């Protein structure tokens, strides 16, 4: 029997509307949470292989705020862009999305891979007055603690691109691979929460449009990082990081914070790369305080 979401009750009290818009050839689905009678408070960009569902635990802890959260091109309900999916094209997509919805001047949050997309979009001209980076990628993936895995994972995705579509879907969605990843990232000692996290990854981690987009997305995710454009993040920038993060270690986060002209660092203890699942209330509290400051 599936484990119910621990955040479902709170999320159910928040109004939500789904819409779709064409951006750079991607039929981009997005969700608006909260009251329509106030300006948008923040735009959320999710991480690699996920979709908007992953950030809903944080949304559930932001009642009263108006939040916009799209599925990235090629993930969740959004179709892929008819071009190679690089950090540059994801950044241009985000610029187009913000322009199409009139969200210029709105604070923006990026989680994990989304932190790269957001920061590089800002370097390309996105004007956000404040930025929140949740579990930001603050180091070169080929030099981090999991550097030996990068070529292996690249090969895994490239094999998927060569297989017939049905075989590729099976190969890239192998439940055991998803579970291994989920176990590696989860740090909570709460057995029920840990089981729900595994189920959540099982539900949404294979919601990609096609093997090529997935492979290109991974190549993009390890091609650069936030550090590369840190000097362009001149606006107030909040880093919310996990002390046990083995994907984006806290040492790199401290270095990133030092490079930011106006950076703030919040380190959450007892959690790694899944802050949005394991400590969304603490993350939301930090975000709310940050948005409220002048």
C-alpha atoms as a PDB file:
ATOM      1  CA  UNK A   1       0.000   0.000   0.000  1.00  0.00           C
ATOM      2  CA  UNK A   2       1.463   3.416  -0.976  1.00  0.00           C
ATOM      3  CA  UNK A   3       2.626   5.719   1.774  1.00  0.00           C
ATOM      4  CA  UNK A   4       0.533   8.935   1.832  1.00  0.00           C
ATOM      5  CA  UNK A   5       2.434  12.158   1.359  1.00  0.00           C
ATOM      6  CA  UNK A   6       3.225  13.774   4.717  1.00  0.00           C
ATOM      7  CA  UNK A   7       2.611  17.128   3.029  1.00  0.00           C
ATOM      8  CA  UNK A   8      -0.682  16.304   1.294  1.00  0.00           C
ATOM      9  CA  UNK A   9      -2.985  17.828   3.917  1.00  0.00           C
ATOM     10  CA  UNK A  10      -1.177  21.176   3.936  1.00  0.00           C
ATOM     11  CA  UNK A  11      -0.905  21.227   0.139  1.00  0.00           C
ATOM     12  CA  UNK A  12      -4.628  20.513  -0.216  1.00  0.00           C
ATOM     13  CA  UNK A  13      -5.436  23.823   1.487  1.00  0.00           C
ATOM     14  CA  UNK A  14      -3.562  25.806  -1.175  1.00  0.00           C
ATOM     15  CA  UNK A  15      -5.404  26.646  -4.428  1.00  0.00           C
ATOM     16  CA  UNK A  16      -3.645  25.317  -7.533  1.00  0.00           C
ATOM     17  CA  UNK A  17      -4.175  25.878 -11.264  1.00  0.00           C
ATOM     18  CA  UNK A  18      -2.444  24.166 -14.188  1.00  0.00           C
ATOM     19  CA  UNK A  19      -1.790  25.903 -17.507  1.00  0.00           C
ATOM     20  CA  UNK A  20       0.366  25.382 -20.599  1.00  0.00           C
ATOM     21  CA  UNK A  21       2.308  27.795 -22.786  1.00  0.00           C
ATOM     22  CA  UNK A  22       4.618  27.337 -25.774  1.00  0.00           C
ATOM     23  CA  UNK A  23       8.206  28.421 -25.072  1.00  0.00           C
ATOM     24  CA  UNK A  24      10.972  27.742 -27.598  1.00  0.00           C
ATOM     25  CA  UNK A  25       8.887  24.925 -29.074  1.00  0.00           C
ATOM     26  CA  UNK A  26       8.265  23.248 -25.724  1.00  0.00           C
ATOM     27  CA  UNK A  27       4.648  22.904 -24.652  1.00  0.00           C
ATOM     28  CA  UNK A  28       5.530  23.928 -21.124  1.00  0.00           C
ATOM     29  CA  UNK A  29       3.102  22.990 -18.378  1.00  0.00           C
ATOM     30  CA  UNK A  30       3.184  25.070 -15.230  1.00  0.00           C
ATOM     31  CA  UNK A  31       1.299  25.279 -11.971  1.00  0.00           C
ATOM     32  CA  UNK A  32       0.240  28.335  -9.989  1.00  0.00           C
ATOM     33  CA  UNK A  33      -0.257  27.899  -6.268  1.00  0.00           C
ATOM     34  CA  UNK A  34      -1.865  30.320  -3.854  1.00  0.00           C
ATOM     35  CA  UNK A  35      -4.131  33.354  -4.190  1.00  0.00           C
ATOM     36  CA  UNK A  36      -4.600  34.967  -7.601  1.00  0.00           C
ATOM     37  CA  UNK A  37      -5.337  38.364  -6.051  1.00  0.00           C
ATOM     38  CA  UNK A  38      -1.680  39.076  -5.283  1.00  0.00           C
ATOM     39  CA  UNK A  39       1.476  39.332  -7.420  1.00  0.00           C
ATOM     40  CA  UNK A  40       3.594  36.233  -7.929  1.00  0.00           C
ATOM     41  CA  UNK A  41       6.004  35.912  -5.001  1.00  0.00           C
ATOM     42  CA  UNK A  42       8.474  33.379  -6.414  1.00  0.00           C
ATOM     43  CA  UNK A  43       9.173  31.162  -9.425  1.00  0.00           C
ATOM     44  CA  UNK A  44      10.434  27.614  -8.730  1.00  0.00           C
ATOM     45  CA  UNK A  45      12.686  25.573 -11.065  1.00  0.00           C
ATOM     46  CA  UNK A  46      13.095  21.880 -10.224  1.00  0.00           C
ATOM     47  CA  UNK A  47      16.081  19.568 -10.642  1.00  0.00           C
ATOM     48  CA  UNK A  48      17.243  16.883 -13.081  1.00  0.00           C
ATOM     49  CA  UNK A  49      14.800  14.053 -13.892  1.00  0.00           C
ATOM     50  CA  UNK A  50      12.225  15.520 -11.555  1.00  0.00           C
ATOM     51  CA  UNK A  51       9.214  17.739 -12.197  1.00  0.00           C
ATOM     52  CA  UNK A  52       7.129  20.265 -10.273  1.00  0.00           C
ATOM     53  CA  UNK A  53       5.914  17.588  -7.839  1.00  0.00           C
ATOM     54  CA  UNK A  54       9.314  17.486  -6.158  1.00  0.00           C
ATOM     55  CA  UNK A  55       9.019  21.052  -4.901  1.00  0.00           C
ATOM     56  CA  UNK A  56       5.430  20.743  -3.701  1.00  0.00           C
ATOM     57  CA  UNK A  57       6.494  19.942  -0.104  1.00  0.00           C
ATOM     58  CA  UNK A  58       8.098  23.400   0.003  1.00  0.00           C
ATOM     59  CA  UNK A  59       5.005  24.956  -1.600  1.00  0.00           C
ATOM     60  CA  UNK A  60       2.892  23.294   1.100  1.00  0.00           C
ATOM     61  CA  UNK A  61       4.897  25.262   3.658  1.00  0.00           C
ATOM     62  CA  UNK A  62       4.390  28.599   1.906  1.00  0.00           C
ATOM     63  CA  UNK A  63       0.650  29.209   2.414  1.00  0.00           C
ATOM     64  CA  UNK A  64      -0.497  32.666   1.435  1.00  0.00           C
ATOM     65  CA  UNK A  65       2.233  33.148  -1.163  1.00  0.00           C
ATOM     66  CA  UNK A  66       1.643  32.936  -4.904  1.00  0.00           C
ATOM     67  CA  UNK A  67       4.069  30.491  -6.485  1.00  0.00           C
ATOM     68  CA  UNK A  68       4.658  29.499 -10.121  1.00  0.00           C
ATOM     69  CA  UNK A  69       6.316  26.133 -10.797  1.00  0.00           C
ATOM     70  CA  UNK A  70       6.829  24.744 -14.336  1.00  0.00           C
ATOM     71  CA  UNK A  71       8.018  21.360 -15.545  1.00  0.00           C
ATOM     72  CA  UNK A  72      11.323  21.827 -17.383  1.00  0.00           C
ATOM     73  CA  UNK A  73      11.235  21.055 -21.134  1.00  0.00           C
ATOM     74  CA  UNK A  74      11.258  17.289 -21.660  1.00  0.00           C
ATOM     75  CA  UNK A  75      10.249  16.425 -18.075  1.00  0.00           C
ATOM     76  CA  UNK A  76       6.935  15.798 -16.403  1.00  0.00           C
ATOM     77  CA  UNK A  77       4.126  17.075 -18.607  1.00  0.00           C
ATOM     78  CA  UNK A  78       6.294  19.461 -20.659  1.00  0.00           C
ATOM     79  CA  UNK A  79       7.458  18.442 -24.117  1.00  0.00           C
ATOM     80  CA  UNK A  80      11.080  18.702 -25.174  1.00  0.00           C
ATOM     81  CA  UNK A  81      12.514  21.643 -27.087  1.00  0.00           C
ATOM     82  CA  UNK A  82      13.228  20.933 -30.794  1.00  0.00           C
ATOM     83  CA  UNK A  83      16.920  21.584 -30.214  1.00  0.00           C
ATOM     84  CA  UNK A  84      19.835  20.183 -28.234  1.00  0.00           C
ATOM     85  CA  UNK A  85      19.171  20.538 -24.517  1.00  0.00           C
ATOM     86  CA  UNK A  86      22.185  22.409 -23.149  1.00  0.00           C
ATOM     87  CA  UNK A  87      22.515  24.798 -20.237  1.00  0.00           C
ATOM     88  CA  UNK A  88      22.403  27.644 -22.770  1.00  0.00           C
ATOM     89  CA  UNK A  89      19.105  26.446 -24.276  1.00  0.00           C
ATOM     90  CA  UNK A  90      17.566  25.763 -20.850  1.00  0.00           C
ATOM     91  CA  UNK A  91      18.595  29.293 -19.844  1.00  0.00           C
ATOM     92  CA  UNK A  92      16.996  30.745 -22.987  1.00  0.00           C
ATOM     93  CA  UNK A  93      13.861  28.723 -22.267  1.00  0.00           C
ATOM     94  CA  UNK A  94      13.685  30.223 -18.772  1.00  0.00           C
ATOM     95  CA  UNK A  95      14.133  33.719 -20.177  1.00  0.00           C
ATOM     96  CA  UNK A  96      11.318  33.006 -22.633  1.00  0.00           C
ATOM     97  CA  UNK A  97       9.056  31.560 -19.939  1.00  0.00           C
ATOM     98  CA  UNK A  98       9.535  34.576 -17.677  1.00  0.00           C
ATOM     99  CA  UNK A  99       8.900  36.950 -20.569  1.00  0.00           C
ATOM    100  CA  UNK A 100       5.790  35.076 -21.777  1.00  0.00           C
ATOM    101  CA  UNK A 101       4.160  35.118 -18.325  1.00  0.00           C
ATOM    102  CA  UNK A 102       5.250  38.631 -17.416  1.00  0.00           C
ATOM    103  CA  UNK A 103       7.347  37.422 -14.480  1.00  0.00           C
ATOM    104  CA  UNK A 104      10.251  39.828 -14.939  1.00  0.00           C
ATOM    105  CA  UNK A 105      11.338  41.193 -11.584  1.00  0.00           C
ATOM    106  CA  UNK A 106      10.099  38.143  -9.654  1.00  0.00           C
ATOM    107  CA  UNK A 107      12.394  36.227  -7.237  1.00  0.00           C
ATOM    108  CA  UNK A 108      13.381  32.820  -8.557  1.00  0.00           C
ATOM    109  CA  UNK A 109      14.440  29.554  -6.903  1.00  0.00           C
ATOM    110  CA  UNK A 110      16.452  26.765  -8.490  1.00  0.00           C
ATOM    111  CA  UNK A 111      16.951  23.340  -6.944  1.00  0.00           C
ATOM    112  CA  UNK A 112      20.049  21.263  -7.800  1.00  0.00           C
ATOM    113  CA  UNK A 113      20.212  21.180 -11.626  1.00  0.00           C
ATOM    114  CA  UNK A 114      17.678  23.991 -11.506  1.00  0.00           C
ATOM    115  CA  UNK A 115      20.291  26.081  -9.672  1.00  0.00           C
ATOM    116  CA  UNK A 116      22.523  25.849 -12.751  1.00  0.00           C
ATOM    117  CA  UNK A 117      19.663  26.758 -15.097  1.00  0.00           C
ATOM    118  CA  UNK A 118      18.646  29.748 -12.951  1.00  0.00           C
ATOM    119  CA  UNK A 119      22.160  31.096 -12.433  1.00  0.00           C
ATOM    120  CA  UNK A 120      23.068  30.797 -16.120  1.00  0.00           C
ATOM    121  CA  UNK A 121      19.756  32.411 -17.113  1.00  0.00           C
ATOM    122  CA  UNK A 122      20.672  35.344 -14.881  1.00  0.00           C
ATOM    123  CA  UNK A 123      24.078  35.504 -16.581  1.00  0.00           C
ATOM    124  CA  UNK A 124      22.190  35.581 -19.903  1.00  0.00           C
ATOM    125  CA  UNK A 125      20.043  38.519 -18.827  1.00  0.00           C
ATOM    126  CA  UNK A 126      17.285  37.293 -16.504  1.00  0.00           C
ATOM    127  CA  UNK A 127      16.491  40.119 -14.124  1.00  0.00           C
ATOM    128  CA  UNK A 128      15.567  38.626 -10.759  1.00  0.00           C
ATOM    129  CA  UNK A 129      15.653  40.884  -7.685  1.00  0.00           C
ATOM    130  CA  UNK A 130      16.395  37.930  -5.384  1.00  0.00           C
ATOM    131  CA  UNK A 131      17.577  34.377  -5.960  1.00  0.00           C
ATOM    132  CA  UNK A 132      17.249  31.237  -3.848  1.00  0.00           C
ATOM    133  CA  UNK A 133      19.499  28.289  -4.667  1.00  0.00           C
ATOM    134  CA  UNK A 134      18.449  25.059  -2.964  1.00  0.00           C
ATOM    135  CA  UNK A 135      21.157  22.367  -2.885  1.00  0.00           C
ATOM    136  CA  UNK A 136      23.049  24.350  -5.553  1.00  0.00           C
ATOM    137  CA  UNK A 137      25.646  22.643  -7.722  1.00  0.00           C
ATOM    138  CA  UNK A 138      28.699  24.551  -6.566  1.00  0.00           C
ATOM    139  CA  UNK A 139      31.547  22.427  -7.934  1.00  0.00           C
ATOM    140  CA  UNK A 140      32.685  20.600 -11.043  1.00  0.00           C
ATOM    141  CA  UNK A 141      30.988  17.186 -11.110  1.00  0.00           C
ATOM    142  CA  UNK A 142      34.165  15.597 -12.498  1.00  0.00           C
ATOM    143  CA  UNK A 143      36.155  16.611  -9.417  1.00  0.00           C
ATOM    144  CA  UNK A 144      33.621  15.895  -6.667  1.00  0.00           C
ATOM    145  CA  UNK A 145      33.224  12.870  -4.397  1.00  0.00           C
ATOM    146  CA  UNK A 146      31.184  11.034  -7.056  1.00  0.00           C
ATOM    147  CA  UNK A 147      33.481  11.900  -9.967  1.00  0.00           C
ATOM    148  CA  UNK A 148      34.047   8.230 -10.865  1.00  0.00           C
ATOM    149  CA  UNK A 149      30.319   7.869 -11.469  1.00  0.00           C
ATOM    150  CA  UNK A 150      30.076  10.630 -14.079  1.00  0.00           C
ATOM    151  CA  UNK A 151      31.462   8.658 -17.053  1.00  0.00           C
ATOM    152  CA  UNK A 152      29.486   5.586 -15.976  1.00  0.00           C
ATOM    153  CA  UNK A 153      26.217   7.512 -15.843  1.00  0.00           C
ATOM    154  CA  UNK A 154      26.990   9.212 -19.158  1.00  0.00           C
ATOM    155  CA  UNK A 155      27.480   5.776 -20.717  1.00  0.00           C
ATOM    156  CA  UNK A 156      24.235   4.560 -19.133  1.00  0.00           C
ATOM    157  CA  UNK A 157      22.285   7.383 -20.774  1.00  0.00           C
ATOM    158  CA  UNK A 158      24.100   7.059 -24.099  1.00  0.00           C
ATOM    159  CA  UNK A 159      23.199   3.373 -24.261  1.00  0.00           C
ATOM    160  CA  UNK A 160      19.582   4.412 -23.746  1.00  0.00           C
ATOM    161  CA  UNK A 161      19.820   6.672 -26.809  1.00  0.00           C
ATOM    162  CA  UNK A 162      20.983   3.744 -28.959  1.00  0.00           C
ATOM    163  CA  UNK A 163      18.274   1.300 -27.948  1.00  0.00           C
ATOM    164  CA  UNK A 164      14.845   0.972 -29.605  1.00  0.00           C
ATOM    165  CA  UNK A 165      12.368   3.222 -27.806  1.00  0.00           C
ATOM    166  CA  UNK A 166      10.573   0.491 -25.829  1.00  0.00           C
ATOM    167  CA  UNK A 167      13.858  -1.063 -24.719  1.00  0.00           C
ATOM    168  CA  UNK A 168      15.253   2.383 -23.907  1.00  0.00           C
ATOM    169  CA  UNK A 169      12.294   3.234 -21.696  1.00  0.00           C
ATOM    170  CA  UNK A 170      12.863   0.002 -19.777  1.00  0.00           C
ATOM    171  CA  UNK A 171      16.635   0.544 -19.556  1.00  0.00           C
ATOM    172  CA  UNK A 172      16.408   4.150 -18.366  1.00  0.00           C
ATOM    173  CA  UNK A 173      13.562   3.452 -15.962  1.00  0.00           C
ATOM    174  CA  UNK A 174      14.965   0.359 -14.243  1.00  0.00           C
ATOM    175  CA  UNK A 175      13.384   0.464 -10.758  1.00  0.00           C
ATOM    176  CA  UNK A 176      16.538  -0.865  -9.091  1.00  0.00           C
ATOM    177  CA  UNK A 177      18.636   2.006 -10.460  1.00  0.00           C
ATOM    178  CA  UNK A 178      16.096   4.535  -9.222  1.00  0.00           C
ATOM    179  CA  UNK A 179      15.971   2.892  -5.798  1.00  0.00           C
ATOM    180  CA  UNK A 180      19.779   2.839  -5.466  1.00  0.00           C
ATOM    181  CA  UNK A 181      19.858   6.553  -6.250  1.00  0.00           C
ATOM    182  CA  UNK A 182      17.052   7.255  -3.783  1.00  0.00           C
ATOM    183  CA  UNK A 183      18.726   5.283  -0.985  1.00  0.00           C
ATOM    184  CA  UNK A 184      22.014   7.093  -1.633  1.00  0.00           C
ATOM    185  CA  UNK A 185      20.439  10.549  -1.412  1.00  0.00           C
ATOM    186  CA  UNK A 186      18.061   9.993   1.490  1.00  0.00           C
ATOM    187  CA  UNK A 187      19.454  10.823   4.941  1.00  0.00           C
ATOM    188  CA  UNK A 188      16.345  10.779   7.121  1.00  0.00           C
ATOM    189  CA  UNK A 189      16.047   8.241   9.937  1.00  0.00           C
ATOM    190  CA  UNK A 190      12.241   8.376   9.661  1.00  0.00           C
ATOM    191  CA  UNK A 191      11.376   5.048   8.029  1.00  0.00           C
ATOM    192  CA  UNK A 192       7.942   6.178   6.830  1.00  0.00           C
ATOM    193  CA  UNK A 193       9.311   9.357   5.279  1.00  0.00           C
ATOM    194  CA  UNK A 194      12.147   7.406   3.675  1.00  0.00           C
ATOM    195  CA  UNK A 195       9.684   4.955   2.134  1.00  0.00           C
ATOM    196  CA  UNK A 196       7.568   7.832   0.793  1.00  0.00           C
ATOM    197  CA  UNK A 197      10.685   9.410  -0.758  1.00  0.00           C
ATOM    198  CA  UNK A 198      11.504   6.139  -2.538  1.00  0.00           C
ATOM    199  CA  UNK A 199       7.938   5.889  -3.803  1.00  0.00           C
ATOM    200  CA  UNK A 200       8.013   9.523  -4.954  1.00  0.00           C
ATOM    201  CA  UNK A 201      11.173   8.907  -6.950  1.00  0.00           C
ATOM    202  CA  UNK A 202       9.587   5.789  -8.412  1.00  0.00           C
ATOM    203  CA  UNK A 203       6.521   7.783  -9.494  1.00  0.00           C
ATOM    204  CA  UNK A 204       8.243  10.769 -11.074  1.00  0.00           C
ATOM    205  CA  UNK A 205      11.921  10.034 -11.741  1.00  0.00           C
ATOM    206  CA  UNK A 206      11.221   8.465 -15.137  1.00  0.00           C
ATOM    207  CA  UNK A 207       8.880  11.159 -16.398  1.00  0.00           C
ATOM    208  CA  UNK A 208      11.125  12.230 -19.267  1.00  0.00           C
ATOM    209  CA  UNK A 209       9.924  12.747 -22.837  1.00  0.00           C
ATOM    210  CA  UNK A 210      12.548  10.638 -24.649  1.00  0.00           C
ATOM    211  CA  UNK A 211      16.003   9.073 -24.165  1.00  0.00           C
ATOM    212  CA  UNK A 212      17.829  11.756 -26.169  1.00  0.00           C
ATOM    213  CA  UNK A 213      16.462  14.591 -24.033  1.00  0.00           C
ATOM    214  CA  UNK A 214      17.356  12.698 -20.857  1.00  0.00           C
ATOM    215  CA  UNK A 215      20.905  12.058 -22.053  1.00  0.00           C
ATOM    216  CA  UNK A 216      21.341  15.662 -23.154  1.00  0.00           C
ATOM    217  CA  UNK A 217      19.971  16.827 -19.823  1.00  0.00           C
ATOM    218  CA  UNK A 218      22.529  14.805 -17.902  1.00  0.00           C
ATOM    219  CA  UNK A 219      25.350  16.055 -20.135  1.00  0.00           C
ATOM    220  CA  UNK A 220      24.146  19.594 -19.418  1.00  0.00           C
ATOM    221  CA  UNK A 221      23.947  18.948 -15.673  1.00  0.00           C
ATOM    222  CA  UNK A 222      27.626  17.982 -15.439  1.00  0.00           C
ATOM    223  CA  UNK A 223      28.908  20.491 -17.991  1.00  0.00           C
ATOM    224  CA  UNK A 224      29.093  23.474 -15.638  1.00  0.00           C
ATOM    225  CA  UNK A 225      27.964  24.779 -12.241  1.00  0.00           C
ATOM    226  CA  UNK A 226      26.892  27.890 -10.360  1.00  0.00           C
ATOM    227  CA  UNK A 227      30.487  28.848  -9.546  1.00  0.00           C
ATOM    228  CA  UNK A 228      31.073  29.547 -13.252  1.00  0.00           C
ATOM    229  CA  UNK A 229      28.703  32.530 -13.142  1.00  0.00           C
ATOM    230  CA  UNK A 230      28.856  33.449  -9.439  1.00  0.00           C
ATOM    231  CA  UNK A 231      30.096  36.952 -10.201  1.00  0.00           C
ATOM    232  CA  UNK A 232      26.900  37.611 -12.193  1.00  0.00           C
ATOM    233  CA  UNK A 233      24.693  36.876  -9.182  1.00  0.00           C
ATOM    234  CA  UNK A 234      24.929  40.409  -7.846  1.00  0.00           C
ATOM    235  CA  UNK A 235      21.450  40.440  -6.304  1.00  0.00           C
ATOM    236  CA  UNK A 236      20.719  39.102  -2.795  1.00  0.00           C
ATOM    237  CA  UNK A 237      21.168  35.335  -3.091  1.00  0.00           C
ATOM    238  CA  UNK A 238      20.174  32.746  -0.503  1.00  0.00           C
ATOM    239  CA  UNK A 239      21.875  29.350  -0.459  1.00  0.00           C
ATOM    240  CA  UNK A 240      19.950  26.643   1.411  1.00  0.00           C
ATOM    241  CA  UNK A 241      22.184  23.592   1.694  1.00  0.00           C
ATOM    242  CA  UNK A 242      22.363  20.239   3.427  1.00  0.00           C
ATOM    243  CA  UNK A 243      25.216  19.454   5.784  1.00  0.00           C
ATOM    244  CA  UNK A 244      25.247  15.830   4.540  1.00  0.00           C
ATOM    245  CA  UNK A 245      24.932  16.573   0.804  1.00  0.00           C
ATOM    246  CA  UNK A 246      27.126  14.134  -1.140  1.00  0.00           C
ATOM    247  CA  UNK A 247      26.098  15.579  -4.522  1.00  0.00           C
ATOM    248  CA  UNK A 248      26.912  19.184  -3.647  1.00  0.00           C
ATOM    249  CA  UNK A 249      29.186  19.012  -0.572  1.00  0.00           C
ATOM    250  CA  UNK A 250      28.926  21.801   1.986  1.00  0.00           C
ATOM    251  CA  UNK A 251      32.567  22.839   1.468  1.00  0.00           C
ATOM    252  CA  UNK A 252      31.732  23.907  -2.064  1.00  0.00           C
ATOM    253  CA  UNK A 253      28.676  25.761  -0.809  1.00  0.00           C
ATOM    254  CA  UNK A 254      30.771  27.780   1.603  1.00  0.00           C
ATOM    255  CA  UNK A 255      33.133  28.654  -1.243  1.00  0.00           C
ATOM    256  CA  UNK A 256      30.202  29.709  -3.423  1.00  0.00           C
ATOM    257  CA  UNK A 257      28.816  31.901  -0.628  1.00  0.00           C
ATOM    258  CA  UNK A 258      32.188  33.652  -0.359  1.00  0.00           C
ATOM    259  CA  UNK A 259      32.155  34.403  -4.089  1.00  0.00           C
ATOM    260  CA  UNK A 260      28.690  35.938  -4.119  1.00  0.00           C
ATOM    261  CA  UNK A 261      28.587  39.745  -3.797  1.00  0.00           C
ATOM    262  CA  UNK A 262      25.471  39.539  -1.587  1.00  0.00           C
ATOM    263  CA  UNK A 263      25.163  35.921  -0.519  1.00  0.00           C
ATOM    264  CA  UNK A 264      23.567  34.301   2.521  1.00  0.00           C
ATOM    265  CA  UNK A 265      24.234  30.705   3.538  1.00  0.00           C
ATOM    266  CA  UNK A 266      21.799  28.537   5.518  1.00  0.00           C
ATOM    267  CA  UNK A 267      23.079  25.050   6.377  1.00  0.00           C
ATOM    268  CA  UNK A 268      20.475  22.524   7.477  1.00  0.00           C
ATOM    269  CA  UNK A 269      21.801  19.718   9.668  1.00  0.00           C
ATOM    270  CA  UNK A 270      20.909  16.048   9.221  1.00  0.00           C
ATOM    271  CA  UNK A 271      19.934  16.340   5.565  1.00  0.00           C
ATOM    272  CA  UNK A 272      21.674  15.973   2.225  1.00  0.00           C
ATOM    273  CA  UNK A 273      20.494  16.653  -1.327  1.00  0.00           C
ATOM    274  CA  UNK A 274      16.797  16.094  -0.572  1.00  0.00           C
ATOM    275  CA  UNK A 275      16.026  19.187   1.485  1.00  0.00           C
ATOM    276  CA  UNK A 276      12.788  19.589  -0.480  1.00  0.00           C
ATOM    277  CA  UNK A 277      11.598  16.181   0.769  1.00  0.00           C
ATOM    278  CA  UNK A 278      13.193  15.882   4.191  1.00  0.00           C
ATOM    279  CA  UNK A 279      13.223  19.439   5.585  1.00  0.00           C
ATOM    280  CA  UNK A 280      10.804  21.513   3.485  1.00  0.00           C
ATOM    281  CA  UNK A 281       9.436  23.411   6.487  1.00  0.00           C
ATOM    282  CA  UNK A 282      12.904  24.606   7.473  1.00  0.00           C
ATOM    283  CA  UNK A 283      13.718  25.531   3.865  1.00  0.00           C
ATOM    284  CA  UNK A 284      10.390  27.356   3.455  1.00  0.00           C
ATOM    285  CA  UNK A 285      10.972  29.308   6.671  1.00  0.00           C
ATOM    286  CA  UNK A 286      14.368  30.462   5.393  1.00  0.00           C
ATOM    287  CA  UNK A 287      12.834  31.390   2.034  1.00  0.00           C
ATOM    288  CA  UNK A 288       9.979  33.331   3.635  1.00  0.00           C
ATOM    289  CA  UNK A 289      12.419  35.303   5.842  1.00  0.00           C
ATOM    290  CA  UNK A 290      14.624  36.026   2.833  1.00  0.00           C
ATOM    291  CA  UNK A 291      11.725  37.246   0.671  1.00  0.00           C
ATOM    292  CA  UNK A 292      10.494  39.472   3.507  1.00  0.00           C
ATOM    293  CA  UNK A 293      13.782  41.334   3.906  1.00  0.00           C
ATOM    294  CA  UNK A 294      14.269  44.670   2.142  1.00  0.00           C
END
